[in-house]
Amino acid sequence: MCERRILCSLVCGVIVLLFSVSTPAQTITINNNLLFGNIYPGIPKSVTKYTAGAASEFLVTGTAGNEISIDFTLPTYMNQGGFNMQMIFTENDCSFDTRATPSQSAPEYDNQDPWSTLYGRLGSAGLTIWLGGTIVPKLYQKSGAYSASIVLTVAYTGS
């Protein structure tokens, strides 16, 4: 029996957008990339937002109590050379937590839609965001290391 595995990971890119110079500073730290591991042709694979070490994890820090908007630009495909693999992000693939000790398995704000603008207030330890997703390899998917970028834009709302 011949076994073909495809190694997949998702490289998370980050863009921080501030409205003005007088806005307090904020930072985004990527604690974990979205990692799918070994994939088999024709078999979709999901990583939930609850999967520690595999789900994307971002930490947003700044002035506690300030409201921020959170926007994702999500890829629809992972790429390797000239080959693509479909990606799917659903309306409940995101969660976030503003508590001092955030819980990935029981987040404060669960089942958030990464396709919509999200709003939250920075807690004393910031705001932690988790993102899961699904990849759908073709039956004859070319093997290799596939990647894509997630762009996260965070801005103070002034509220």
C-alpha atoms as a PDB file:
ATOM      1  CA  MET A   1       0.000   0.000   0.000  1.00  0.00           C
ATOM      2  CA  CYS A   2       1.353   3.394  -0.967  1.00  0.00           C
ATOM      3  CA  GLU A   3       0.881   6.218   1.524  1.00  0.00           C
ATOM      4  CA  ARG A   4       1.127   9.864   0.480  1.00  0.00           C
ATOM      5  CA  ARG A   5       1.209  12.517   3.131  1.00  0.00           C
ATOM      6  CA  ILE A   6       1.055  16.243   2.624  1.00  0.00           C
ATOM      7  CA  LEU A   7       2.541  18.492   5.285  1.00  0.00           C
ATOM      8  CA  CYS A   8       0.456  21.615   5.863  1.00  0.00           C
ATOM      9  CA  SER A   9       0.929  24.648   8.006  1.00  0.00           C
ATOM     10  CA  LEU A  10      -0.463  28.120   7.910  1.00  0.00           C
ATOM     11  CA  VAL A  11       1.864  31.064   8.231  1.00  0.00           C
ATOM     12  CA  CYS A  12       0.109  33.831  10.123  1.00  0.00           C
ATOM     13  CA  GLY A  13       0.869  37.344   8.993  1.00  0.00           C
ATOM     14  CA  VAL A  14      -0.039  40.291  11.172  1.00  0.00           C
ATOM     15  CA  ILE A  15      -0.800  43.911  10.392  1.00  0.00           C
ATOM     16  CA  VAL A  16      -1.440  46.384  13.196  1.00  0.00           C
ATOM     17  CA  LEU A  17      -3.458  49.449  12.219  1.00  0.00           C
ATOM     18  CA  LEU A  18      -3.599  52.475  14.508  1.00  0.00           C
ATOM     19  CA  PHE A  19      -5.962  55.375  13.809  1.00  0.00           C
ATOM     20  CA  SER A  20      -3.709  58.214  14.921  1.00  0.00           C
ATOM     21  CA  VAL A  21      -0.411  58.985  16.577  1.00  0.00           C
ATOM     22  CA  SER A  22      -2.195  59.922  19.810  1.00  0.00           C
ATOM     23  CA  THR A  23      -3.725  56.430  20.053  1.00  0.00           C
ATOM     24  CA  PRO A  24      -2.019  54.365  22.780  1.00  0.00           C
ATOM     25  CA  ALA A  25       0.365  51.699  21.485  1.00  0.00           C
ATOM     26  CA  GLN A  26      -0.794  48.115  21.036  1.00  0.00           C
ATOM     27  CA  THR A  27       1.006  44.982  19.945  1.00  0.00           C
ATOM     28  CA  ILE A  28       0.034  41.655  18.407  1.00  0.00           C
ATOM     29  CA  THR A  29       2.044  38.558  19.224  1.00  0.00           C
ATOM     30  CA  ILE A  30       1.644  35.316  17.271  1.00  0.00           C
ATOM     31  CA  ASN A  31       1.757  32.577  19.911  1.00  0.00           C
ATOM     32  CA  ASN A  32       0.917  29.765  17.485  1.00  0.00           C
ATOM     33  CA  ASN A  33       0.427  29.290  13.744  1.00  0.00           C
ATOM     34  CA  LEU A  34      -2.520  27.260  12.430  1.00  0.00           C
ATOM     35  CA  LEU A  35      -0.952  23.831  11.922  1.00  0.00           C
ATOM     36  CA  PHE A  36      -2.685  20.979  10.113  1.00  0.00           C
ATOM     37  CA  GLY A  37       0.202  18.480  10.256  1.00  0.00           C
ATOM     38  CA  ASN A  38       0.085  15.501   7.925  1.00  0.00           C
ATOM     39  CA  ILE A  39      -2.760  15.495   5.426  1.00  0.00           C
ATOM     40  CA  TYR A  40      -3.916  12.640   3.223  1.00  0.00           C
ATOM     41  CA  PRO A  41      -5.181  13.225  -0.345  1.00  0.00           C
ATOM     42  CA  GLY A  42      -8.959  13.388  -0.601  1.00  0.00           C
ATOM     43  CA  ILE A  43      -9.492  13.564   3.182  1.00  0.00           C
ATOM     44  CA  PRO A  44     -10.462  16.963   4.640  1.00  0.00           C
ATOM     45  CA  LYS A  45      -8.891  17.879   7.963  1.00  0.00           C
ATOM     46  CA  SER A  46     -10.125  20.366  10.548  1.00  0.00           C
ATOM     47  CA  VAL A  47      -8.347  22.048  13.414  1.00  0.00           C
ATOM     48  CA  THR A  48     -10.741  23.540  15.940  1.00  0.00           C
ATOM     49  CA  LYS A  49     -10.102  26.761  17.809  1.00  0.00           C
ATOM     50  CA  TYR A  50      -9.874  24.613  20.972  1.00  0.00           C
ATOM     51  CA  THR A  51      -6.898  22.547  19.733  1.00  0.00           C
ATOM     52  CA  ALA A  52      -3.923  23.738  21.771  1.00  0.00           C
ATOM     53  CA  GLY A  53      -0.711  23.785  19.763  1.00  0.00           C
ATOM     54  CA  ALA A  54      -2.524  23.550  16.403  1.00  0.00           C
ATOM     55  CA  ALA A  55      -5.060  26.412  16.352  1.00  0.00           C
ATOM     56  CA  SER A  56      -3.796  29.910  15.571  1.00  0.00           C
ATOM     57  CA  GLU A  57      -3.270  31.918  18.730  1.00  0.00           C
ATOM     58  CA  PHE A  58      -2.736  35.676  18.842  1.00  0.00           C
ATOM     59  CA  LEU A  59      -2.209  37.909  21.859  1.00  0.00           C
ATOM     60  CA  VAL A  60      -3.225  41.570  21.562  1.00  0.00           C
ATOM     61  CA  THR A  61      -1.862  43.852  24.286  1.00  0.00           C
ATOM     62  CA  GLY A  62      -2.314  47.532  24.928  1.00  0.00           C
ATOM     63  CA  THR A  63      -4.190  49.800  27.304  1.00  0.00           C
ATOM     64  CA  ALA A  64      -6.529  47.707  29.483  1.00  0.00           C
ATOM     65  CA  GLY A  65     -10.193  48.661  29.163  1.00  0.00           C
ATOM     66  CA  ASN A  66      -9.910  50.079  25.631  1.00  0.00           C
ATOM     67  CA  GLU A  67     -12.205  48.617  22.995  1.00  0.00           C
ATOM     68  CA  ILE A  68     -10.613  47.177  19.845  1.00  0.00           C
ATOM     69  CA  SER A  69     -11.951  45.997  16.517  1.00  0.00           C
ATOM     70  CA  ILE A  70     -10.601  42.717  15.158  1.00  0.00           C
ATOM     71  CA  ASP A  71     -10.635  41.970  11.424  1.00  0.00           C
ATOM     72  CA  PHE A  72      -9.231  38.937   9.627  1.00  0.00           C
ATOM     73  CA  THR A  73      -8.288  38.646   5.979  1.00  0.00           C
ATOM     74  CA  LEU A  74      -8.533  34.909   5.476  1.00  0.00           C
ATOM     75  CA  PRO A  75      -7.089  32.829   2.641  1.00  0.00           C
ATOM     76  CA  THR A  76      -9.282  30.508   0.568  1.00  0.00           C
ATOM     77  CA  TYR A  77      -6.337  28.354  -0.531  1.00  0.00           C
ATOM     78  CA  MET A  78      -2.987  27.147   0.765  1.00  0.00           C
ATOM     79  CA  ASN A  79      -0.236  27.104  -1.858  1.00  0.00           C
ATOM     80  CA  GLN A  80       2.864  25.111  -2.664  1.00  0.00           C
ATOM     81  CA  GLY A  81       4.580  26.065  -5.896  1.00  0.00           C
ATOM     82  CA  GLY A  82       1.808  26.284  -8.486  1.00  0.00           C
ATOM     83  CA  PHE A  83      -0.531  23.979  -6.548  1.00  0.00           C
ATOM     84  CA  ASN A  84      -3.461  24.985  -4.326  1.00  0.00           C
ATOM     85  CA  MET A  85      -5.430  23.324  -1.542  1.00  0.00           C
ATOM     86  CA  GLN A  86      -8.836  24.707  -0.536  1.00  0.00           C
ATOM     87  CA  MET A  87      -9.297  26.217   2.934  1.00  0.00           C
ATOM     88  CA  ILE A  88     -12.582  26.801   4.729  1.00  0.00           C
ATOM     89  CA  PHE A  89     -13.238  29.079   7.706  1.00  0.00           C
ATOM     90  CA  THR A  90     -16.766  28.926   9.138  1.00  0.00           C
ATOM     91  CA  GLU A  91     -18.824  31.434  11.112  1.00  0.00           C
ATOM     92  CA  ASN A  92     -17.818  29.845  14.435  1.00  0.00           C
ATOM     93  CA  ASP A  93     -14.097  29.132  13.885  1.00  0.00           C
ATOM     94  CA  CYS A  94     -12.910  31.964  16.146  1.00  0.00           C
ATOM     95  CA  SER A  95     -12.962  32.684  19.879  1.00  0.00           C
ATOM     96  CA  PHE A  96     -11.313  35.179  22.185  1.00  0.00           C
ATOM     97  CA  ASP A  97     -10.770  35.770  25.875  1.00  0.00           C
ATOM     98  CA  THR A  98      -9.942  38.933  27.814  1.00  0.00           C
ATOM     99  CA  ARG A  99      -9.484  37.362  31.242  1.00  0.00           C
ATOM    100  CA  ALA A 100      -6.153  37.471  33.088  1.00  0.00           C
ATOM    101  CA  THR A 101      -5.888  33.697  32.596  1.00  0.00           C
ATOM    102  CA  PRO A 102      -7.460  33.013  29.167  1.00  0.00           C
ATOM    103  CA  SER A 103      -8.971  29.585  28.560  1.00  0.00           C
ATOM    104  CA  GLN A 104      -8.696  28.102  25.077  1.00  0.00           C
ATOM    105  CA  SER A 105     -11.002  25.197  26.003  1.00  0.00           C
ATOM    106  CA  ALA A 106     -13.662  27.464  27.549  1.00  0.00           C
ATOM    107  CA  PRO A 107     -13.156  30.951  26.070  1.00  0.00           C
ATOM    108  CA  GLU A 108     -15.029  33.976  27.309  1.00  0.00           C
ATOM    109  CA  TYR A 109     -16.319  34.790  23.781  1.00  0.00           C
ATOM    110  CA  ASP A 110     -16.883  31.588  21.822  1.00  0.00           C
ATOM    111  CA  ASN A 111     -18.166  30.811  18.306  1.00  0.00           C
ATOM    112  CA  GLN A 112     -17.167  34.145  16.802  1.00  0.00           C
ATOM    113  CA  ASP A 113     -17.341  34.756  13.041  1.00  0.00           C
ATOM    114  CA  PRO A 114     -13.851  35.513  11.643  1.00  0.00           C
ATOM    115  CA  TRP A 115     -15.485  36.861   8.446  1.00  0.00           C
ATOM    116  CA  SER A 116     -17.083  39.735  10.420  1.00  0.00           C
ATOM    117  CA  THR A 117     -15.567  42.557  12.439  1.00  0.00           C
ATOM    118  CA  LEU A 118     -15.308  41.482  16.076  1.00  0.00           C
ATOM    119  CA  TYR A 119     -15.163  43.822  19.056  1.00  0.00           C
ATOM    120  CA  GLY A 120     -13.672  43.314  22.495  1.00  0.00           C
ATOM    121  CA  ARG A 121     -12.068  45.205  25.354  1.00  0.00           C
ATOM    122  CA  LEU A 122      -8.471  44.597  26.314  1.00  0.00           C
ATOM    123  CA  GLY A 123      -8.183  42.962  29.712  1.00  0.00           C
ATOM    124  CA  SER A 124      -5.334  43.442  32.182  1.00  0.00           C
ATOM    125  CA  ALA A 125      -3.379  40.731  30.315  1.00  0.00           C
ATOM    126  CA  GLY A 126      -4.628  41.792  26.881  1.00  0.00           C
ATOM    127  CA  LEU A 127      -6.931  39.790  24.617  1.00  0.00           C
ATOM    128  CA  THR A 128      -6.154  36.296  23.318  1.00  0.00           C
ATOM    129  CA  ILE A 129      -7.659  35.162  19.994  1.00  0.00           C
ATOM    130  CA  TRP A 130      -7.873  31.572  18.682  1.00  0.00           C
ATOM    131  CA  LEU A 131      -8.711  30.562  15.114  1.00  0.00           C
ATOM    132  CA  GLY A 132      -9.359  27.131  13.635  1.00  0.00           C
ATOM    133  CA  GLY A 133     -10.103  26.058  10.078  1.00  0.00           C
ATOM    134  CA  THR A 134     -10.449  23.212   7.600  1.00  0.00           C
ATOM    135  CA  ILE A 135      -8.440  22.198   4.561  1.00  0.00           C
ATOM    136  CA  VAL A 136      -9.810  20.120   1.708  1.00  0.00           C
ATOM    137  CA  PRO A 137      -7.102  18.307  -0.287  1.00  0.00           C
ATOM    138  CA  LYS A 138      -7.975  16.970  -3.714  1.00  0.00           C
ATOM    139  CA  LEU A 139      -7.955  13.237  -4.309  1.00  0.00           C
ATOM    140  CA  TYR A 140      -4.740  13.645  -6.318  1.00  0.00           C
ATOM    141  CA  GLN A 141      -3.258  16.522  -4.311  1.00  0.00           C
ATOM    142  CA  LYS A 142       0.449  17.032  -4.992  1.00  0.00           C
ATOM    143  CA  SER A 143       2.517  16.323  -1.900  1.00  0.00           C
ATOM    144  CA  GLY A 144       4.597  19.086  -0.348  1.00  0.00           C
ATOM    145  CA  ALA A 145       4.559  21.768   2.323  1.00  0.00           C
ATOM    146  CA  TYR A 146       1.617  24.119   1.700  1.00  0.00           C
ATOM    147  CA  SER A 147       1.248  27.534   3.310  1.00  0.00           C
ATOM    148  CA  ALA A 148      -0.921  30.648   3.298  1.00  0.00           C
ATOM    149  CA  SER A 149      -1.119  33.897   5.237  1.00  0.00           C
ATOM    150  CA  ILE A 150      -3.729  35.161   7.655  1.00  0.00           C
ATOM    151  CA  VAL A 151      -3.803  38.926   8.076  1.00  0.00           C
ATOM    152  CA  LEU A 152      -5.083  40.203  11.430  1.00  0.00           C
ATOM    153  CA  THR A 153      -5.941  43.896  11.691  1.00  0.00           C
ATOM    154  CA  VAL A 154      -6.577  45.316  15.154  1.00  0.00           C
ATOM    155  CA  ALA A 155      -7.537  48.922  15.873  1.00  0.00           C
ATOM    156  CA  TYR A 156      -8.716  50.925  18.863  1.00  0.00           C
ATOM    157  CA  THR A 157     -12.318  52.027  18.329  1.00  0.00           C
ATOM    158  CA  GLY A 158     -12.198  55.039  20.622  1.00  0.00           C
ATOM    159  CA  SER A 159     -14.979  53.608  22.795  1.00  0.00           C
END
